[in-house]
Amino acid sequence: MDGCDHTLLAALALGDASPAEAYTAGCHLGHCAACRTELAELQELVATARTASPGGDAVRPPGRVWQAVADAVTAEGDGTDAPDGTGPVRER
């Protein structure tokens, strides 16, 4: 792992990384504070999601959140700037 691999960090947080991937990421995490922080945040998110009860304390997001998601998806499809003004939406 030469750089920050966000997909691998997500797999680690979920416990889905292979032993070889975990070893490679571990080497990178030893010297990359940004990835250690991101992994810790993802692990916290996973733990919260796994302990959340359906319909429990969840709060329905306001309509503007769903509109922002729809705008981002639309922008991604037509190559325009992201709705938050951060620049062009990257293609995957």
PDB file of N, CA and C in Angstrom:
ATOM      1  N   MET A   1       0.869  -1.174   0.000  1.00  0.00           N
ATOM      2  CA  MET A   1       0.000   0.000   0.000  1.00  0.00           C
ATOM      3  C   MET A   1       0.903   1.220   0.000  1.00  0.00           C
ATOM      4  N   ASP A   2       1.059   1.837  -1.160  1.00  0.00           N
ATOM      5  CA  ASP A   2       1.950   2.981  -1.291  1.00  0.00           C
ATOM      6  C   ASP A   2       1.314   4.277  -0.803  1.00  0.00           C
ATOM      7  N   GLY A   3       0.024   4.394  -0.986  1.00  0.00           N
ATOM      8  CA  GLY A   3      -0.679   5.607  -0.581  1.00  0.00           C
ATOM      9  C   GLY A   3      -1.885   5.243   0.249  1.00  0.00           C
ATOM     10  N   CYS A   4      -2.732   6.211   0.453  1.00  0.00           N
ATOM     11  CA  CYS A   4      -3.927   5.993   1.260  1.00  0.00           C
ATOM     12  C   CYS A   4      -4.997   5.316   0.407  1.00  0.00           C
ATOM     13  N   ASP A   5      -5.339   4.093   0.749  1.00  0.00           N
ATOM     14  CA  ASP A   5      -6.354   3.318   0.024  1.00  0.00           C
ATOM     15  C   ASP A   5      -7.619   3.309   0.876  1.00  0.00           C
ATOM     16  N   HIS A   6      -8.542   4.206   0.561  1.00  0.00           N
ATOM     17  CA  HIS A   6      -9.741   4.378   1.372  1.00  0.00           C
ATOM     18  C   HIS A   6     -10.652   3.152   1.331  1.00  0.00           C
ATOM     19  N   THR A   7     -10.662   2.449   0.220  1.00  0.00           N
ATOM     20  CA  THR A   7     -11.468   1.232   0.123  1.00  0.00           C
ATOM     21  C   THR A   7     -10.925   0.161   1.067  1.00  0.00           C
ATOM     22  N   LEU A   8      -9.610   0.052   1.121  1.00  0.00           N
ATOM     23  CA  LEU A   8      -8.999  -0.930   2.028  1.00  0.00           C
ATOM     24  C   LEU A   8      -9.243  -0.536   3.481  1.00  0.00           C
ATOM     25  N   LEU A   9      -9.178   0.743   3.785  1.00  0.00           N
ATOM     26  CA  LEU A   9      -9.465   1.171   5.154  1.00  0.00           C
ATOM     27  C   LEU A   9     -10.896   0.813   5.545  1.00  0.00           C
ATOM     28  N   ALA A  10     -11.824   0.965   4.614  1.00  0.00           N
ATOM     29  CA  ALA A  10     -13.211   0.584   4.889  1.00  0.00           C
ATOM     30  C   ALA A  10     -13.318  -0.916   5.126  1.00  0.00           C
ATOM     31  N   ALA A  11     -12.608  -1.701   4.312  1.00  0.00           N
ATOM     32  CA  ALA A  11     -12.627  -3.157   4.493  1.00  0.00           C
ATOM     33  C   ALA A  11     -12.046  -3.540   5.849  1.00  0.00           C
ATOM     34  N   LEU A  12     -10.991  -2.868   6.264  1.00  0.00           N
ATOM     35  CA  LEU A  12     -10.410  -3.132   7.587  1.00  0.00           C
ATOM     36  C   LEU A  12     -11.417  -2.819   8.688  1.00  0.00           C
ATOM     37  N   ALA A  13     -12.065  -1.680   8.573  1.00  0.00           N
ATOM     38  CA  ALA A  13     -13.030  -1.273   9.592  1.00  0.00           C
ATOM     39  C   ALA A  13     -14.186  -2.263   9.689  1.00  0.00           C
ATOM     40  N   LEU A  14     -14.567  -2.828   8.546  1.00  0.00           N
ATOM     41  CA  LEU A  14     -15.663  -3.798   8.523  1.00  0.00           C
ATOM     42  C   LEU A  14     -15.223  -5.203   8.894  1.00  0.00           C
ATOM     43  N   GLY A  15     -13.901  -5.424   8.948  1.00  0.00           N
ATOM     44  CA  GLY A  15     -13.380  -6.754   9.226  1.00  0.00           C
ATOM     45  C   GLY A  15     -13.377  -7.633   7.997  1.00  0.00           C
ATOM     46  N   ASP A  16     -13.393  -7.025   6.816  1.00  0.00           N
ATOM     47  CA  ASP A  16     -13.477  -7.779   5.566  1.00  0.00           C
ATOM     48  C   ASP A  16     -12.161  -7.872   4.807  1.00  0.00           C
ATOM     49  N   ALA A  17     -11.081  -7.327   5.359  1.00  0.00           N
ATOM     50  CA  ALA A  17      -9.791  -7.364   4.666  1.00  0.00           C
ATOM     51  C   ALA A  17      -9.159  -8.750   4.818  1.00  0.00           C
ATOM     52  N   SER A  18      -8.500  -9.193   3.768  1.00  0.00           N
ATOM     53  CA  SER A  18      -7.778 -10.469   3.841  1.00  0.00           C
ATOM     54  C   SER A  18      -6.557 -10.294   4.740  1.00  0.00           C
ATOM     55  N   PRO A  19      -5.965 -11.398   5.217  1.00  0.00           N
ATOM     56  CA  PRO A  19      -4.749 -11.284   6.031  1.00  0.00           C
ATOM     57  C   PRO A  19      -3.631 -10.527   5.307  1.00  0.00           C
ATOM     58  N   ALA A  20      -3.472 -10.765   4.010  1.00  0.00           N
ATOM     59  CA  ALA A  20      -2.423 -10.074   3.253  1.00  0.00           C
ATOM     60  C   ALA A  20      -2.725  -8.575   3.177  1.00  0.00           C
ATOM     61  N   GLU A  21      -3.992  -8.218   2.950  1.00  0.00           N
ATOM     62  CA  GLU A  21      -4.370  -6.809   2.897  1.00  0.00           C
ATOM     63  C   GLU A  21      -4.161  -6.138   4.257  1.00  0.00           C
ATOM     64  N   ALA A  22      -4.525  -6.846   5.318  1.00  0.00           N
ATOM     65  CA  ALA A  22      -4.362  -6.302   6.665  1.00  0.00           C
ATOM     66  C   ALA A  22      -2.891  -6.064   6.980  1.00  0.00           C
ATOM     67  N   TYR A  23      -2.030  -6.975   6.550  1.00  0.00           N
ATOM     68  CA  TYR A  23      -0.590  -6.813   6.777  1.00  0.00           C
ATOM     69  C   TYR A  23      -0.067  -5.600   6.020  1.00  0.00           C
ATOM     70  N   THR A  24      -0.427  -5.506   4.752  1.00  0.00           N
ATOM     71  CA  THR A  24       0.027  -4.381   3.923  1.00  0.00           C
ATOM     72  C   THR A  24      -0.459  -3.059   4.502  1.00  0.00           C
ATOM     73  N   ALA A  25      -1.720  -3.011   4.885  1.00  0.00           N
ATOM     74  CA  ALA A  25      -2.272  -1.787   5.463  1.00  0.00           C
ATOM     75  C   ALA A  25      -1.595  -1.468   6.784  1.00  0.00           C
ATOM     76  N   GLY A  26      -1.305  -2.497   7.572  1.00  0.00           N
ATOM     77  CA  GLY A  26      -0.634  -2.283   8.851  1.00  0.00           C
ATOM     78  C   GLY A  26       0.716  -1.616   8.684  1.00  0.00           C
ATOM     79  N   CYS A  27       1.446  -2.005   7.661  1.00  0.00           N
ATOM     80  CA  CYS A  27       2.737  -1.376   7.376  1.00  0.00           C
ATOM     81  C   CYS A  27       2.543   0.103   7.052  1.00  0.00           C
ATOM     82  N   HIS A  28       1.540   0.403   6.255  1.00  0.00           N
ATOM     83  CA  HIS A  28       1.260   1.791   5.879  1.00  0.00           C
ATOM     84  C   HIS A  28       0.779   2.592   7.089  1.00  0.00           C
ATOM     85  N   LEU A  29      -0.094   1.989   7.881  1.00  0.00           N
ATOM     86  CA  LEU A  29      -0.655   2.694   9.027  1.00  0.00           C
ATOM     87  C   LEU A  29       0.422   3.049  10.049  1.00  0.00           C
ATOM     88  N   GLY A  30       1.522   2.291  10.044  1.00  0.00           N
ATOM     89  CA  GLY A  30       2.606   2.569  10.974  1.00  0.00           C
ATOM     90  C   GLY A  30       3.223   3.938  10.779  1.00  0.00           C
ATOM     91  N   HIS A  31       3.114   4.492   9.593  1.00  0.00           N
ATOM     92  CA  HIS A  31       3.724   5.796   9.335  1.00  0.00           C
ATOM     93  C   HIS A  31       2.758   6.835   8.761  1.00  0.00           C
ATOM     94  N   CYS A  32       1.476   6.522   8.696  1.00  0.00           N
ATOM     95  CA  CYS A  32       0.516   7.478   8.119  1.00  0.00           C
ATOM     96  C   CYS A  32      -0.564   7.830   9.143  1.00  0.00           C
ATOM     97  N   ALA A  33      -0.377   8.960   9.801  1.00  0.00           N
ATOM     98  CA  ALA A  33      -1.327   9.400  10.826  1.00  0.00           C
ATOM     99  C   ALA A  33      -2.714   9.659  10.245  1.00  0.00           C
ATOM    100  N   ALA A  34      -2.770  10.172   9.021  1.00  0.00           N
ATOM    101  CA  ALA A  34      -4.066  10.468   8.404  1.00  0.00           C
ATOM    102  C   ALA A  34      -4.891   9.191   8.238  1.00  0.00           C
ATOM    103  N   CYS A  35      -4.244   8.127   7.792  1.00  0.00           N
ATOM    104  CA  CYS A  35      -4.964   6.862   7.611  1.00  0.00           C
ATOM    105  C   CYS A  35      -5.335   6.235   8.954  1.00  0.00           C
ATOM    106  N   ARG A  36      -4.480   6.389   9.958  1.00  0.00           N
ATOM    107  CA  ARG A  36      -4.835   5.875  11.289  1.00  0.00           C
ATOM    108  C   ARG A  36      -6.074   6.581  11.816  1.00  0.00           C
ATOM    109  N   THR A  37      -6.136   7.891  11.603  1.00  0.00           N
ATOM    110  CA  THR A  37      -7.300   8.656  12.045  1.00  0.00           C
ATOM    111  C   THR A  37      -8.542   8.228  11.275  1.00  0.00           C
ATOM    112  N   GLU A  38      -8.405   8.096   9.950  1.00  0.00           N
ATOM    113  CA  GLU A  38      -9.552   7.681   9.138  1.00  0.00           C
ATOM    114  C   GLU A  38     -10.037   6.296   9.541  1.00  0.00           C
ATOM    115  N   LEU A  39      -9.110   5.374   9.777  1.00  0.00           N
ATOM    116  CA  LEU A  39      -9.497   4.024  10.181  1.00  0.00           C
ATOM    117  C   LEU A  39     -10.232   4.055  11.512  1.00  0.00           C
ATOM    118  N   ALA A  40      -9.741   4.833  12.470  1.00  0.00           N
ATOM    119  CA  ALA A  40     -10.405   4.930  13.776  1.00  0.00           C
ATOM    120  C   ALA A  40     -11.821   5.484  13.624  1.00  0.00           C
ATOM    121  N   GLU A  41     -11.987   6.483  12.764  1.00  0.00           N
ATOM    122  CA  GLU A  41     -13.315   7.041  12.534  1.00  0.00           C
ATOM    123  C   GLU A  41     -14.240   6.029  11.874  1.00  0.00           C
ATOM    124  N   LEU A  42     -13.715   5.292  10.920  1.00  0.00           N
ATOM    125  CA  LEU A  42     -14.528   4.262  10.254  1.00  0.00           C
ATOM    126  C   LEU A  42     -14.898   3.153  11.224  1.00  0.00           C
ATOM    127  N   GLN A  43     -13.969   2.764  12.088  1.00  0.00           N
ATOM    128  CA  GLN A  43     -14.260   1.720  13.072  1.00  0.00           C
ATOM    129  C   GLN A  43     -15.345   2.173  14.043  1.00  0.00           C
ATOM    130  N   GLU A  44     -15.292   3.437  14.422  1.00  0.00           N
ATOM    131  CA  GLU A  44     -16.329   3.980  15.305  1.00  0.00           C
ATOM    132  C   GLU A  44     -17.688   3.972  14.606  1.00  0.00           C
ATOM    133  N   LEU A  45     -17.695   4.349  13.338  1.00  0.00           N
ATOM    134  CA  LEU A  45     -18.926   4.343  12.563  1.00  0.00           C
ATOM    135  C   LEU A  45     -19.495   2.929  12.447  1.00  0.00           C
ATOM    136  N   VAL A  46     -18.634   1.959  12.153  1.00  0.00           N
ATOM    137  CA  VAL A  46     -19.077   0.572  12.031  1.00  0.00           C
ATOM    138  C   VAL A  46     -19.644   0.084  13.361  1.00  0.00           C
ATOM    139  N   ALA A  47     -18.957   0.372  14.454  1.00  0.00           N
ATOM    140  CA  ALA A  47     -19.439  -0.058  15.769  1.00  0.00           C
ATOM    141  C   ALA A  47     -20.798   0.558  16.080  1.00  0.00           C
ATOM    142  N   THR A  48     -20.960   1.826  15.760  1.00  0.00           N
ATOM    143  CA  THR A  48     -22.242   2.497  15.996  1.00  0.00           C
ATOM    144  C   THR A  48     -23.346   1.876  15.148  1.00  0.00           C
ATOM    145  N   ALA A  49     -23.038   1.644  13.882  1.00  0.00           N
ATOM    146  CA  ALA A  49     -24.042   1.058  12.983  1.00  0.00           C
ATOM    147  C   ALA A  49     -24.442  -0.347  13.419  1.00  0.00           C
ATOM    148  N   ARG A  50     -23.485  -1.107  13.905  1.00  0.00           N
ATOM    149  CA  ARG A  50     -23.787  -2.488  14.307  1.00  0.00           C
ATOM    150  C   ARG A  50     -24.578  -2.562  15.603  1.00  0.00           C
ATOM    151  N   THR A  51     -24.516  -1.525  16.404  1.00  0.00           N
ATOM    152  CA  THR A  51     -25.258  -1.553  17.662  1.00  0.00           C
ATOM    153  C   THR A  51     -26.565  -0.771  17.597  1.00  0.00           C
ATOM    154  N   ALA A  52     -26.803  -0.076  16.502  1.00  0.00           N
ATOM    155  CA  ALA A  52     -28.024   0.716  16.366  1.00  0.00           C
ATOM    156  C   ALA A  52     -29.226  -0.205  16.212  1.00  0.00           C
ATOM    157  N   SER A  53     -30.309   0.186  16.851  1.00  0.00           N
ATOM    158  CA  SER A  53     -31.528  -0.602  16.705  1.00  0.00           C
ATOM    159  C   SER A  53     -32.399   0.021  15.625  1.00  0.00           C
ATOM    160  N   PRO A  54     -33.004  -0.820  14.801  1.00  0.00           N
ATOM    161  CA  PRO A  54     -33.866  -0.285  13.742  1.00  0.00           C
ATOM    162  C   PRO A  54     -34.977   0.571  14.341  1.00  0.00           C
ATOM    163  N   GLY A  55     -35.100   1.780  13.847  1.00  0.00           N
ATOM    164  CA  GLY A  55     -36.154   2.661  14.317  1.00  0.00           C
ATOM    165  C   GLY A  55     -35.903   3.221  15.698  1.00  0.00           C
ATOM    166  N   GLY A  56     -34.736   2.952  16.262  1.00  0.00           N
ATOM    167  CA  GLY A  56     -34.417   3.409  17.613  1.00  0.00           C
ATOM    168  C   GLY A  56     -34.286   4.916  17.686  1.00  0.00           C
ATOM    169  N   ASP A  57     -33.074   5.361  17.925  1.00  0.00           N
ATOM    170  CA  ASP A  57     -32.826   6.790  18.104  1.00  0.00           C
ATOM    171  C   ASP A  57     -32.539   7.500  16.787  1.00  0.00           C
ATOM    172  N   ALA A  58     -32.712   6.808  15.688  1.00  0.00           N
ATOM    173  CA  ALA A  58     -32.413   7.415  14.398  1.00  0.00           C
ATOM    174  C   ALA A  58     -33.326   8.614  14.156  1.00  0.00           C
ATOM    175  N   VAL A  59     -32.755   9.624  13.557  1.00  0.00           N
ATOM    176  CA  VAL A  59     -33.505  10.833  13.233  1.00  0.00           C
ATOM    177  C   VAL A  59     -33.546  10.946  11.721  1.00  0.00           C
ATOM    178  N   ARG A  60     -34.712  11.182  11.193  1.00  0.00           N
ATOM    179  CA  ARG A  60     -34.852  11.350   9.741  1.00  0.00           C
ATOM    180  C   ARG A  60     -34.171  12.648   9.348  1.00  0.00           C
ATOM    181  N   PRO A  61     -33.247  12.566   8.374  1.00  0.00           N
ATOM    182  CA  PRO A  61     -32.586  13.797   7.943  1.00  0.00           C
ATOM    183  C   PRO A  61     -33.562  14.729   7.242  1.00  0.00           C
ATOM    184  N   PRO A  62     -33.293  16.022   7.320  1.00  0.00           N
ATOM    185  CA  PRO A  62     -34.182  16.976   6.651  1.00  0.00           C
ATOM    186  C   PRO A  62     -34.161  16.780   5.139  1.00  0.00           C
ATOM    187  N   GLY A  63     -35.187  17.252   4.484  1.00  0.00           N
ATOM    188  CA  GLY A  63     -35.314  17.098   3.041  1.00  0.00           C
ATOM    189  C   GLY A  63     -34.136  17.663   2.267  1.00  0.00           C
ATOM    190  N   ARG A  64     -33.484  18.698   2.800  1.00  0.00           N
ATOM    191  CA  ARG A  64     -32.348  19.297   2.092  1.00  0.00           C
ATOM    192  C   ARG A  64     -31.197  18.307   1.938  1.00  0.00           C
ATOM    193  N   VAL A  65     -31.081  17.356   2.864  1.00  0.00           N
ATOM    194  CA  VAL A  65     -30.028  16.340   2.761  1.00  0.00           C
ATOM    195  C   VAL A  65     -30.290  15.457   1.550  1.00  0.00           C
ATOM    196  N   TRP A  66     -31.521  14.993   1.409  1.00  0.00           N
ATOM    197  CA  TRP A  66     -31.851  14.133   0.276  1.00  0.00           C
ATOM    198  C   TRP A  66     -31.729  14.902  -1.038  1.00  0.00           C
ATOM    199  N   GLN A  67     -32.085  16.196  -1.008  1.00  0.00           N
ATOM    200  CA  GLN A  67     -31.938  17.012  -2.211  1.00  0.00           C
ATOM    201  C   GLN A  67     -30.466  17.158  -2.581  1.00  0.00           C
ATOM    202  N   ALA A  68     -29.588  17.325  -1.597  1.00  0.00           N
ATOM    203  CA  ALA A  68     -28.149  17.436  -1.864  1.00  0.00           C
ATOM    204  C   ALA A  68     -27.612  16.132  -2.461  1.00  0.00           C
ATOM    205  N   VAL A  69     -28.107  15.001  -1.964  1.00  0.00           N
ATOM    206  CA  VAL A  69     -27.694  13.702  -2.521  1.00  0.00           C
ATOM    207  C   VAL A  69     -28.157  13.606  -3.970  1.00  0.00           C
ATOM    208  N   ALA A  70     -29.400  13.944  -4.217  1.00  0.00           N
ATOM    209  CA  ALA A  70     -29.922  13.890  -5.589  1.00  0.00           C
ATOM    210  C   ALA A  70     -29.150  14.826  -6.505  1.00  0.00           C
ATOM    211  N   ASP A  71     -28.821  16.032  -6.020  1.00  0.00           N
ATOM    212  CA  ASP A  71     -28.047  16.978  -6.821  1.00  0.00           C
ATOM    213  C   ASP A  71     -26.651  16.434  -7.137  1.00  0.00           C
ATOM    214  N   ALA A  72     -26.025  15.797  -6.144  1.00  0.00           N
ATOM    215  CA  ALA A  72     -24.686  15.230  -6.351  1.00  0.00           C
ATOM    216  C   ALA A  72     -24.724  14.108  -7.377  1.00  0.00           C
ATOM    217  N   VAL A  73     -25.750  13.272  -7.305  1.00  0.00           N
ATOM    218  CA  VAL A  73     -25.873  12.176  -8.270  1.00  0.00           C
ATOM    219  C   VAL A  73     -26.095  12.734  -9.664  1.00  0.00           C
ATOM    220  N   THR A  74     -26.933  13.728  -9.772  1.00  0.00           N
ATOM    221  CA  THR A  74     -27.176  14.355 -11.067  1.00  0.00           C
ATOM    222  C   THR A  74     -25.914  15.001 -11.609  1.00  0.00           C
ATOM    223  N   ALA A  75     -25.185  15.715 -10.759  1.00  0.00           N
ATOM    224  CA  ALA A  75     -23.940  16.373 -11.169  1.00  0.00           C
ATOM    225  C   ALA A  75     -22.910  15.351 -11.604  1.00  0.00           C
ATOM    226  N   GLU A  76     -22.867  14.222 -10.919  1.00  0.00           N
ATOM    227  CA  GLU A  76     -21.910  13.172 -11.271  1.00  0.00           C
ATOM    228  C   GLU A  76     -22.205  12.644 -12.660  1.00  0.00           C
ATOM    229  N   GLY A  77     -23.459  12.577 -12.996  1.00  0.00           N
ATOM    230  CA  GLY A  77     -23.839  12.048 -14.301  1.00  0.00           C
ATOM    231  C   GLY A  77     -23.564  13.002 -15.444  1.00  0.00           C
ATOM    232  N   ASP A  78     -23.608  14.319 -15.175  1.00  0.00           N
ATOM    233  CA  ASP A  78     -23.424  15.260 -16.280  1.00  0.00           C
ATOM    234  C   ASP A  78     -22.100  16.002 -16.243  1.00  0.00           C
ATOM    235  N   GLY A  79     -21.224  15.684 -15.302  1.00  0.00           N
ATOM    236  CA  GLY A  79     -19.891  16.263 -15.265  1.00  0.00           C
ATOM    237  C   GLY A  79     -19.829  17.687 -14.746  1.00  0.00           C
ATOM    238  N   THR A  80     -20.910  18.178 -14.131  1.00  0.00           N
ATOM    239  CA  THR A  80     -20.890  19.536 -13.594  1.00  0.00           C
ATOM    240  C   THR A  80     -20.244  19.535 -12.215  1.00  0.00           C
ATOM    241  N   ASP A  81     -20.117  20.730 -11.652  1.00  0.00           N
ATOM    242  CA  ASP A  81     -19.531  20.855 -10.330  1.00  0.00           C
ATOM    243  C   ASP A  81     -20.446  20.245  -9.269  1.00  0.00           C
ATOM    244  N   ALA A  82     -19.804  19.806  -8.194  1.00  0.00           N
ATOM    245  CA  ALA A  82     -20.557  19.294  -7.059  1.00  0.00           C
ATOM    246  C   ALA A  82     -21.406  20.420  -6.476  1.00  0.00           C
ATOM    247  N   PRO A  83     -22.549  20.089  -5.873  1.00  0.00           N
ATOM    248  CA  PRO A  83     -23.450  21.124  -5.376  1.00  0.00           C
ATOM    249  C   PRO A  83     -22.849  21.964  -4.256  1.00  0.00           C
ATOM    250  N   ASP A  84     -21.839  21.460  -3.562  1.00  0.00           N
ATOM    251  CA  ASP A  84     -21.236  22.238  -2.472  1.00  0.00           C
ATOM    252  C   ASP A  84     -20.140  23.168  -2.955  1.00  0.00           C
ATOM    253  N   GLY A  85     -19.933  23.227  -4.277  1.00  0.00           N
ATOM    254  CA  GLY A  85     -18.966  24.145  -4.844  1.00  0.00           C
ATOM    255  C   GLY A  85     -17.524  23.695  -4.759  1.00  0.00           C
ATOM    256  N   THR A  86     -17.297  22.420  -4.439  1.00  0.00           N
ATOM    257  CA  THR A  86     -15.923  21.941  -4.259  1.00  0.00           C
ATOM    258  C   THR A  86     -15.258  21.588  -5.577  1.00  0.00           C
ATOM    259  N   GLY A  87     -15.915  21.759  -6.681  1.00  0.00           N
ATOM    260  CA  GLY A  87     -15.298  21.478  -7.975  1.00  0.00           C
ATOM    261  C   GLY A  87     -16.012  20.358  -8.686  1.00  0.00           C
ATOM    262  N   PRO A  88     -15.428  19.939  -9.778  1.00  0.00           N
ATOM    263  CA  PRO A  88     -16.084  18.899 -10.586  1.00  0.00           C
ATOM    264  C   PRO A  88     -16.231  17.587  -9.813  1.00  0.00           C
ATOM    265  N   VAL A  89     -17.298  16.919 -10.076  1.00  0.00           N
ATOM    266  CA  VAL A  89     -17.516  15.606  -9.487  1.00  0.00           C
ATOM    267  C   VAL A  89     -16.641  14.612 -10.246  1.00  0.00           C
ATOM    268  N   ARG A  90     -15.871  13.818  -9.528  1.00  0.00           N
ATOM    269  CA  ARG A  90     -14.975  12.853 -10.170  1.00  0.00           C
ATOM    270  C   ARG A  90     -15.759  11.678 -10.715  1.00  0.00           C
ATOM    271  N   GLU A  91     -15.281  11.178 -11.831  1.00  0.00           N
ATOM    272  CA  GLU A  91     -15.864   9.955 -12.372  1.00  0.00           C
ATOM    273  C   GLU A  91     -15.198   8.779 -11.718  1.00  0.00           C
ATOM    274  N   ARG A  92     -15.941   7.707 -11.558  1.00  0.00           N
ATOM    275  CA  ARG A  92     -15.390   6.510 -10.916  1.00  0.00           C
ATOM    276  C   ARG A  92     -15.113   5.484 -11.941  1.00  0.00           C
TER     277      ARG A  92
END
